[in-house]
Amino acid sequence: MRQADVTVMTIGLGGEPLVVIDDFFPDPDALRAAALAASFVPARNTYPGVRAPLPDCYWSSDRLDTMSAMIEQAFGLAGAIAMIDASFSIVTTPADQLSVAQRLPHCDAFVPNQIALVHYLSLDCLDGTAFYRHRSTGFETISEQHRQMYFAQVDFELRHLGMPAAGYIVGDTPMFERIASVEGRFNRALLYRGKQLHSGAIGPGAILSDDPGVGRLTVTAFFTVG
């Protein structure tokens, strides 16, 4: 078992923290085995795929303690972790069937103390996660204070400048500039604020299978700190 390798970087003009953790889980093969035995169902909200429950072993007390220390160091957030949602997740929606919202970067929260985790468990797929700046507003994160302004501007641009092309967002677009991208290497995890504009970096040749042994298998989780 290798020890986790942690890199803390800052991205964009806002200098938001992004934590990259290689060799995140001590037994990733056991996690893949659990995913192969799990029952996946269509995801709620706008996630373009399917999800299944995690095994209880994923959130050990030692793991939560380690994550708390990482989060305090990187984000300046101290206190208990309160889980909102966590699951195995696989992207399965064909590019030509995505909704407009699924073709754009998004955020998962509007508060500074909600953190997102993505843990990559595919053996061969390197499709990771990309982060974006909205060109006309300059927003890289969406706070409660700015959410109404941001969504009104996006709605205006979609109505007057045209809808995004069918497909997953890849790189820069007329509306958004990519400010960072991280490969989805096996057993790598990312931690970032939920209010960060981001999207799965799903390449045009991605295998969009719902088979966890073949498709883009990840763990996704959202939790508050403090």
C-alpha atoms as a PDB file:
ATOM      1  CA  MET A   1       0.000   0.000   0.000  1.00  0.00           C
ATOM      2  CA  ARG A   2       1.460   3.335  -1.067  1.00  0.00           C
ATOM      3  CA  GLN A   3       1.148   6.509   0.973  1.00  0.00           C
ATOM      4  CA  ALA A   4      -1.058   9.224  -0.493  1.00  0.00           C
ATOM      5  CA  ASP A   5       0.756  11.975  -2.389  1.00  0.00           C
ATOM      6  CA  VAL A   6      -0.903  15.358  -1.788  1.00  0.00           C
ATOM      7  CA  THR A   7      -0.452  18.457  -3.980  1.00  0.00           C
ATOM      8  CA  VAL A   8      -2.158  21.752  -3.093  1.00  0.00           C
ATOM      9  CA  MET A   9      -2.315  24.289  -5.911  1.00  0.00           C
ATOM     10  CA  THR A  10      -4.227  27.466  -6.634  1.00  0.00           C
ATOM     11  CA  ILE A  11      -6.101  28.045  -9.876  1.00  0.00           C
ATOM     12  CA  GLY A  12      -7.425  31.019 -11.793  1.00  0.00           C
ATOM     13  CA  LEU A  13      -7.198  34.712 -11.053  1.00  0.00           C
ATOM     14  CA  GLY A  14      -9.036  34.135  -7.791  1.00  0.00           C
ATOM     15  CA  GLY A  15      -6.363  31.750  -6.518  1.00  0.00           C
ATOM     16  CA  GLU A  16      -8.876  29.177  -5.330  1.00  0.00           C
ATOM     17  CA  PRO A  17      -7.359  26.030  -3.748  1.00  0.00           C
ATOM     18  CA  LEU A  18      -7.386  22.722  -5.585  1.00  0.00           C
ATOM     19  CA  VAL A  19      -6.136  19.615  -3.781  1.00  0.00           C
ATOM     20  CA  VAL A  20      -4.853  16.695  -5.882  1.00  0.00           C
ATOM     21  CA  ILE A  21      -4.337  13.430  -3.979  1.00  0.00           C
ATOM     22  CA  ASP A  22      -2.700  10.482  -5.727  1.00  0.00           C
ATOM     23  CA  ASP A  23      -2.964   6.973  -4.213  1.00  0.00           C
ATOM     24  CA  PHE A  24      -5.974   8.260  -2.297  1.00  0.00           C
ATOM     25  CA  PHE A  25      -7.585   4.999  -1.171  1.00  0.00           C
ATOM     26  CA  PRO A  26      -5.560   2.142   0.361  1.00  0.00           C
ATOM     27  CA  ASP A  27      -7.353  -0.594  -1.630  1.00  0.00           C
ATOM     28  CA  PRO A  28      -8.825   0.854  -4.841  1.00  0.00           C
ATOM     29  CA  ASP A  29      -9.227  -2.619  -6.367  1.00  0.00           C
ATOM     30  CA  ALA A  30     -11.648  -3.499  -3.570  1.00  0.00           C
ATOM     31  CA  LEU A  31     -13.629  -0.354  -4.406  1.00  0.00           C
ATOM     32  CA  ARG A  32     -13.842  -1.404  -8.050  1.00  0.00           C
ATOM     33  CA  ALA A  33     -15.038  -4.828  -6.950  1.00  0.00           C
ATOM     34  CA  ALA A  34     -17.725  -3.180  -4.805  1.00  0.00           C
ATOM     35  CA  ALA A  35     -18.798  -1.043  -7.773  1.00  0.00           C
ATOM     36  CA  LEU A  36     -19.054  -4.128 -10.000  1.00  0.00           C
ATOM     37  CA  ALA A  37     -21.469  -5.652  -7.471  1.00  0.00           C
ATOM     38  CA  ALA A  38     -23.475  -2.440  -6.924  1.00  0.00           C
ATOM     39  CA  SER A  39     -26.885  -1.583  -8.390  1.00  0.00           C
ATOM     40  CA  PHE A  40     -26.676   1.643 -10.393  1.00  0.00           C
ATOM     41  CA  VAL A  41     -29.707   3.837 -11.061  1.00  0.00           C
ATOM     42  CA  PRO A  42     -30.190   7.054 -13.078  1.00  0.00           C
ATOM     43  CA  ALA A  43     -28.764  10.061 -11.231  1.00  0.00           C
ATOM     44  CA  ARG A  44     -30.929  12.869  -9.928  1.00  0.00           C
ATOM     45  CA  ASN A  45     -30.479  16.532 -10.793  1.00  0.00           C
ATOM     46  CA  THR A  46     -28.228  17.199 -13.788  1.00  0.00           C
ATOM     47  CA  TYR A  47     -25.505  14.551 -13.405  1.00  0.00           C
ATOM     48  CA  PRO A  48     -25.290  12.903 -16.859  1.00  0.00           C
ATOM     49  CA  GLY A  49     -25.196   9.290 -15.806  1.00  0.00           C
ATOM     50  CA  VAL A  50     -25.880   6.707 -13.118  1.00  0.00           C
ATOM     51  CA  ARG A  51     -25.044   6.348  -9.441  1.00  0.00           C
ATOM     52  CA  ALA A  52     -24.858   3.667  -6.743  1.00  0.00           C
ATOM     53  CA  PRO A  53     -24.267   3.599  -2.955  1.00  0.00           C
ATOM     54  CA  LEU A  54     -20.736   3.396  -1.571  1.00  0.00           C
ATOM     55  CA  PRO A  55     -19.569   0.612   0.763  1.00  0.00           C
ATOM     56  CA  ASP A  56     -19.420   1.566   4.441  1.00  0.00           C
ATOM     57  CA  CYS A  57     -15.634   1.180   4.507  1.00  0.00           C
ATOM     58  CA  TYR A  58     -15.136   4.231   2.323  1.00  0.00           C
ATOM     59  CA  TRP A  59     -15.617   6.744   5.158  1.00  0.00           C
ATOM     60  CA  SER A  60     -13.458   5.350   7.931  1.00  0.00           C
ATOM     61  CA  SER A  61     -12.725   7.613  10.894  1.00  0.00           C
ATOM     62  CA  ASP A  62      -9.040   7.694   9.936  1.00  0.00           C
ATOM     63  CA  ARG A  63      -9.922   8.798   6.404  1.00  0.00           C
ATOM     64  CA  LEU A  64     -12.202  11.555   7.646  1.00  0.00           C
ATOM     65  CA  ASP A  65      -9.505  12.762  10.054  1.00  0.00           C
ATOM     66  CA  THR A  66      -6.954  12.863   7.238  1.00  0.00           C
ATOM     67  CA  MET A  67      -9.340  14.729   4.960  1.00  0.00           C
ATOM     68  CA  SER A  68     -10.148  17.227   7.730  1.00  0.00           C
ATOM     69  CA  ALA A  69      -6.449  18.030   8.088  1.00  0.00           C
ATOM     70  CA  MET A  70      -6.060  18.480   4.315  1.00  0.00           C
ATOM     71  CA  ILE A  71      -9.117  20.730   4.125  1.00  0.00           C
ATOM     72  CA  GLU A  72      -7.994  22.901   7.018  1.00  0.00           C
ATOM     73  CA  GLN A  73      -4.558  23.342   5.453  1.00  0.00           C
ATOM     74  CA  ALA A  74      -5.807  24.066   1.927  1.00  0.00           C
ATOM     75  CA  PHE A  75      -9.118  25.868   2.475  1.00  0.00           C
ATOM     76  CA  GLY A  76      -8.767  27.251   5.997  1.00  0.00           C
ATOM     77  CA  LEU A  77     -11.900  25.379   7.091  1.00  0.00           C
ATOM     78  CA  ALA A  78     -11.915  23.663  10.479  1.00  0.00           C
ATOM     79  CA  GLY A  79     -14.588  21.586  12.135  1.00  0.00           C
ATOM     80  CA  ALA A  80     -16.654  18.468  11.600  1.00  0.00           C
ATOM     81  CA  ILE A  81     -17.391  17.088   8.140  1.00  0.00           C
ATOM     82  CA  ALA A  82     -21.122  16.792   7.485  1.00  0.00           C
ATOM     83  CA  MET A  83     -21.850  14.581   4.483  1.00  0.00           C
ATOM     84  CA  ILE A  84     -24.480  15.796   2.002  1.00  0.00           C
ATOM     85  CA  ASP A  85     -24.204  13.132  -0.668  1.00  0.00           C
ATOM     86  CA  ALA A  86     -21.685  10.482  -1.748  1.00  0.00           C
ATOM     87  CA  SER A  87     -21.895   7.704  -4.336  1.00  0.00           C
ATOM     88  CA  PHE A  88     -20.265   5.759  -7.117  1.00  0.00           C
ATOM     89  CA  SER A  89     -20.917   7.693 -10.339  1.00  0.00           C
ATOM     90  CA  ILE A  90     -20.528   6.853 -14.028  1.00  0.00           C
ATOM     91  CA  VAL A  91     -21.007   9.300 -16.922  1.00  0.00           C
ATOM     92  CA  THR A  92     -23.254   7.584 -19.491  1.00  0.00           C
ATOM     93  CA  THR A  93     -25.275  10.208 -21.391  1.00  0.00           C
ATOM     94  CA  PRO A  94     -24.433  10.407 -25.121  1.00  0.00           C
ATOM     95  CA  ALA A  95     -23.107  13.800 -26.170  1.00  0.00           C
ATOM     96  CA  ASP A  96     -26.050  14.497 -28.480  1.00  0.00           C
ATOM     97  CA  GLN A  97     -28.554  13.850 -25.672  1.00  0.00           C
ATOM     98  CA  LEU A  98     -27.184  16.323 -23.129  1.00  0.00           C
ATOM     99  CA  SER A  99     -29.419  19.109 -21.840  1.00  0.00           C
ATOM    100  CA  VAL A 100     -28.213  22.690 -22.219  1.00  0.00           C
ATOM    101  CA  ALA A 101     -27.236  22.786 -18.535  1.00  0.00           C
ATOM    102  CA  GLN A 102     -25.133  19.642 -19.001  1.00  0.00           C
ATOM    103  CA  ARG A 103     -23.178  21.310 -21.835  1.00  0.00           C
ATOM    104  CA  LEU A 104     -22.029  24.170 -19.584  1.00  0.00           C
ATOM    105  CA  PRO A 105     -19.738  24.397 -16.552  1.00  0.00           C
ATOM    106  CA  HIS A 106     -21.644  24.310 -13.282  1.00  0.00           C
ATOM    107  CA  CYS A 107     -21.189  24.734  -9.555  1.00  0.00           C
ATOM    108  CA  ASP A 108     -22.507  22.514  -6.781  1.00  0.00           C
ATOM    109  CA  ALA A 109     -22.975  25.146  -4.062  1.00  0.00           C
ATOM    110  CA  PHE A 110     -22.830  28.893  -3.411  1.00  0.00           C
ATOM    111  CA  VAL A 111     -21.212  28.883   0.030  1.00  0.00           C
ATOM    112  CA  PRO A 112     -17.479  28.763   0.895  1.00  0.00           C
ATOM    113  CA  ASN A 113     -17.652  25.850   3.352  1.00  0.00           C
ATOM    114  CA  GLN A 114     -19.049  23.203   0.995  1.00  0.00           C
ATOM    115  CA  ILE A 115     -16.360  20.967  -0.509  1.00  0.00           C
ATOM    116  CA  ALA A 116     -16.611  18.560  -3.445  1.00  0.00           C
ATOM    117  CA  LEU A 117     -14.608  15.362  -3.830  1.00  0.00           C
ATOM    118  CA  VAL A 118     -14.075  13.430  -7.064  1.00  0.00           C
ATOM    119  CA  HIS A 119     -12.197  10.124  -6.834  1.00  0.00           C
ATOM    120  CA  TYR A 120     -11.268   8.482 -10.145  1.00  0.00           C
ATOM    121  CA  LEU A 121     -11.473   4.684 -10.303  1.00  0.00           C
ATOM    122  CA  SER A 122     -11.242   3.860 -14.024  1.00  0.00           C
ATOM    123  CA  LEU A 123      -8.196   1.837 -15.013  1.00  0.00           C
ATOM    124  CA  ASP A 124      -7.786   3.275 -18.501  1.00  0.00           C
ATOM    125  CA  CYS A 125      -9.919   6.431 -18.740  1.00  0.00           C
ATOM    126  CA  LEU A 126      -8.019   9.669 -18.048  1.00  0.00           C
ATOM    127  CA  ASP A 127     -11.034  11.961 -18.503  1.00  0.00           C
ATOM    128  CA  GLY A 128     -10.765  14.165 -15.417  1.00  0.00           C
ATOM    129  CA  THR A 129     -12.183  17.512 -14.313  1.00  0.00           C
ATOM    130  CA  ALA A 130     -11.773  20.994 -15.773  1.00  0.00           C
ATOM    131  CA  PHE A 131     -12.346  24.422 -14.194  1.00  0.00           C
ATOM    132  CA  TYR A 132     -13.632  27.536 -15.929  1.00  0.00           C
ATOM    133  CA  ARG A 133     -13.985  31.306 -15.900  1.00  0.00           C
ATOM    134  CA  HIS A 134     -17.154  32.917 -17.289  1.00  0.00           C
ATOM    135  CA  ARG A 135     -15.761  35.423 -19.763  1.00  0.00           C
ATOM    136  CA  SER A 136     -18.263  38.273 -19.573  1.00  0.00           C
ATOM    137  CA  THR A 137     -18.540  38.412 -15.767  1.00  0.00           C
ATOM    138  CA  GLY A 138     -15.064  37.130 -14.915  1.00  0.00           C
ATOM    139  CA  PHE A 139     -16.576  34.763 -12.340  1.00  0.00           C
ATOM    140  CA  GLU A 140     -14.633  31.595 -11.535  1.00  0.00           C
ATOM    141  CA  THR A 141     -16.718  30.856  -8.454  1.00  0.00           C
ATOM    142  CA  ILE A 142     -20.396  31.607  -7.907  1.00  0.00           C
ATOM    143  CA  SER A 143     -21.294  32.956  -4.467  1.00  0.00           C
ATOM    144  CA  GLU A 144     -24.726  33.478  -3.004  1.00  0.00           C
ATOM    145  CA  GLN A 145     -24.189  37.217  -3.528  1.00  0.00           C
ATOM    146  CA  HIS A 146     -23.488  36.852  -7.261  1.00  0.00           C
ATOM    147  CA  ARG A 147     -25.629  33.882  -8.291  1.00  0.00           C
ATOM    148  CA  GLN A 148     -28.590  35.934  -9.527  1.00  0.00           C
ATOM    149  CA  MET A 149     -26.356  38.179 -11.641  1.00  0.00           C
ATOM    150  CA  TYR A 150     -24.438  35.221 -13.057  1.00  0.00           C
ATOM    151  CA  PHE A 151     -27.452  33.145 -14.080  1.00  0.00           C
ATOM    152  CA  ALA A 152     -29.209  36.172 -15.566  1.00  0.00           C
ATOM    153  CA  GLN A 153     -26.134  36.881 -17.702  1.00  0.00           C
ATOM    154  CA  VAL A 154     -25.814  33.249 -18.814  1.00  0.00           C
ATOM    155  CA  ASP A 155     -29.510  33.210 -19.737  1.00  0.00           C
ATOM    156  CA  PHE A 156     -29.057  36.437 -21.729  1.00  0.00           C
ATOM    157  CA  GLU A 157     -26.091  35.019 -23.621  1.00  0.00           C
ATOM    158  CA  LEU A 158     -27.859  31.774 -24.426  1.00  0.00           C
ATOM    159  CA  ARG A 159     -30.909  33.601 -25.752  1.00  0.00           C
ATOM    160  CA  HIS A 160     -29.028  36.202 -27.780  1.00  0.00           C
ATOM    161  CA  LEU A 161     -25.727  34.554 -28.719  1.00  0.00           C
ATOM    162  CA  GLY A 162     -26.948  30.992 -29.232  1.00  0.00           C
ATOM    163  CA  MET A 163     -26.938  27.666 -27.462  1.00  0.00           C
ATOM    164  CA  PRO A 164     -23.724  25.710 -26.889  1.00  0.00           C
ATOM    165  CA  ALA A 165     -22.999  22.949 -29.386  1.00  0.00           C
ATOM    166  CA  ALA A 166     -24.298  19.520 -28.473  1.00  0.00           C
ATOM    167  CA  GLY A 167     -21.630  17.706 -26.497  1.00  0.00           C
ATOM    168  CA  TYR A 168     -19.546  17.864 -23.355  1.00  0.00           C
ATOM    169  CA  ILE A 169     -17.592  21.094 -22.936  1.00  0.00           C
ATOM    170  CA  VAL A 170     -13.974  20.601 -23.985  1.00  0.00           C
ATOM    171  CA  GLY A 171     -11.562  23.508 -23.565  1.00  0.00           C
ATOM    172  CA  ASP A 172     -12.380  27.151 -24.244  1.00  0.00           C
ATOM    173  CA  THR A 173     -15.718  28.304 -25.675  1.00  0.00           C
ATOM    174  CA  PRO A 174     -17.098  31.750 -26.584  1.00  0.00           C
ATOM    175  CA  MET A 175     -18.719  31.950 -23.127  1.00  0.00           C
ATOM    176  CA  PHE A 176     -16.130  30.196 -20.943  1.00  0.00           C
ATOM    177  CA  GLU A 177     -12.360  30.023 -20.604  1.00  0.00           C
ATOM    178  CA  ARG A 178     -10.781  26.902 -19.151  1.00  0.00           C
ATOM    179  CA  ILE A 179      -8.434  27.890 -16.308  1.00  0.00           C
ATOM    180  CA  ALA A 180      -7.258  24.436 -15.176  1.00  0.00           C
ATOM    181  CA  SER A 181      -7.693  20.760 -15.977  1.00  0.00           C
ATOM    182  CA  VAL A 182      -6.628  17.644 -14.062  1.00  0.00           C
ATOM    183  CA  GLU A 183      -6.339  14.136 -15.531  1.00  0.00           C
ATOM    184  CA  GLY A 184      -8.479  11.433 -13.970  1.00  0.00           C
ATOM    185  CA  ARG A 185      -5.709   8.987 -13.104  1.00  0.00           C
ATOM    186  CA  PHE A 186      -6.601   5.752 -11.313  1.00  0.00           C
ATOM    187  CA  ASN A 187      -6.981   6.281  -7.533  1.00  0.00           C
ATOM    188  CA  ARG A 188      -6.498  10.044  -7.796  1.00  0.00           C
ATOM    189  CA  ALA A 189      -8.882  12.329  -5.899  1.00  0.00           C
ATOM    190  CA  LEU A 190      -9.615  16.043  -6.113  1.00  0.00           C
ATOM    191  CA  LEU A 191     -10.957  18.386  -3.431  1.00  0.00           C
ATOM    192  CA  TYR A 192     -12.330  21.803  -4.408  1.00  0.00           C
ATOM    193  CA  ARG A 193     -14.982  24.269  -3.285  1.00  0.00           C
ATOM    194  CA  GLY A 194     -18.460  23.440  -4.518  1.00  0.00           C
ATOM    195  CA  LYS A 195     -18.912  27.010  -5.751  1.00  0.00           C
ATOM    196  CA  GLN A 196     -16.074  26.597  -8.300  1.00  0.00           C
ATOM    197  CA  LEU A 197     -17.244  26.551 -11.944  1.00  0.00           C
ATOM    198  CA  HIS A 198     -16.239  23.152 -13.297  1.00  0.00           C
ATOM    199  CA  SER A 199     -17.184  20.281 -15.579  1.00  0.00           C
ATOM    200  CA  GLY A 200     -16.145  16.739 -16.231  1.00  0.00           C
ATOM    201  CA  ALA A 201     -13.426  16.785 -18.896  1.00  0.00           C
ATOM    202  CA  ILE A 202     -15.165  14.199 -21.066  1.00  0.00           C
ATOM    203  CA  GLY A 203     -13.304  13.731 -24.344  1.00  0.00           C
ATOM    204  CA  PRO A 204     -15.073  13.114 -27.668  1.00  0.00           C
ATOM    205  CA  GLY A 205     -13.891   9.478 -27.680  1.00  0.00           C
ATOM    206  CA  ALA A 206     -15.047   8.716 -24.134  1.00  0.00           C
ATOM    207  CA  ILE A 207     -16.580   5.310 -23.458  1.00  0.00           C
ATOM    208  CA  LEU A 208     -20.007   6.149 -22.027  1.00  0.00           C
ATOM    209  CA  SER A 209     -20.820   2.680 -20.734  1.00  0.00           C
ATOM    210  CA  ASP A 210     -22.839   2.051 -17.580  1.00  0.00           C
ATOM    211  CA  ASP A 211     -20.612  -0.958 -16.858  1.00  0.00           C
ATOM    212  CA  PRO A 212     -18.389   0.081 -13.912  1.00  0.00           C
ATOM    213  CA  GLY A 213     -15.643  -2.175 -15.246  1.00  0.00           C
ATOM    214  CA  VAL A 214     -15.526  -0.224 -18.524  1.00  0.00           C
ATOM    215  CA  GLY A 215     -17.024   3.239 -18.051  1.00  0.00           C
ATOM    216  CA  ARG A 216     -15.771   6.410 -16.314  1.00  0.00           C
ATOM    217  CA  LEU A 217     -16.152   5.173 -12.749  1.00  0.00           C
ATOM    218  CA  THR A 218     -15.706   7.743  -9.971  1.00  0.00           C
ATOM    219  CA  VAL A 219     -16.734   8.448  -6.420  1.00  0.00           C
ATOM    220  CA  THR A 220     -18.401  11.843  -6.078  1.00  0.00           C
ATOM    221  CA  ALA A 221     -19.124  13.414  -2.720  1.00  0.00           C
ATOM    222  CA  PHE A 222     -20.290  16.742  -1.320  1.00  0.00           C
ATOM    223  CA  PHE A 223     -19.964  17.820   2.291  1.00  0.00           C
ATOM    224  CA  THR A 224     -19.805  20.881   4.502  1.00  0.00           C
ATOM    225  CA  VAL A 225     -17.037  21.654   6.986  1.00  0.00           C
ATOM    226  CA  GLY A 226     -17.513  23.443  10.303  1.00  0.00           C
END
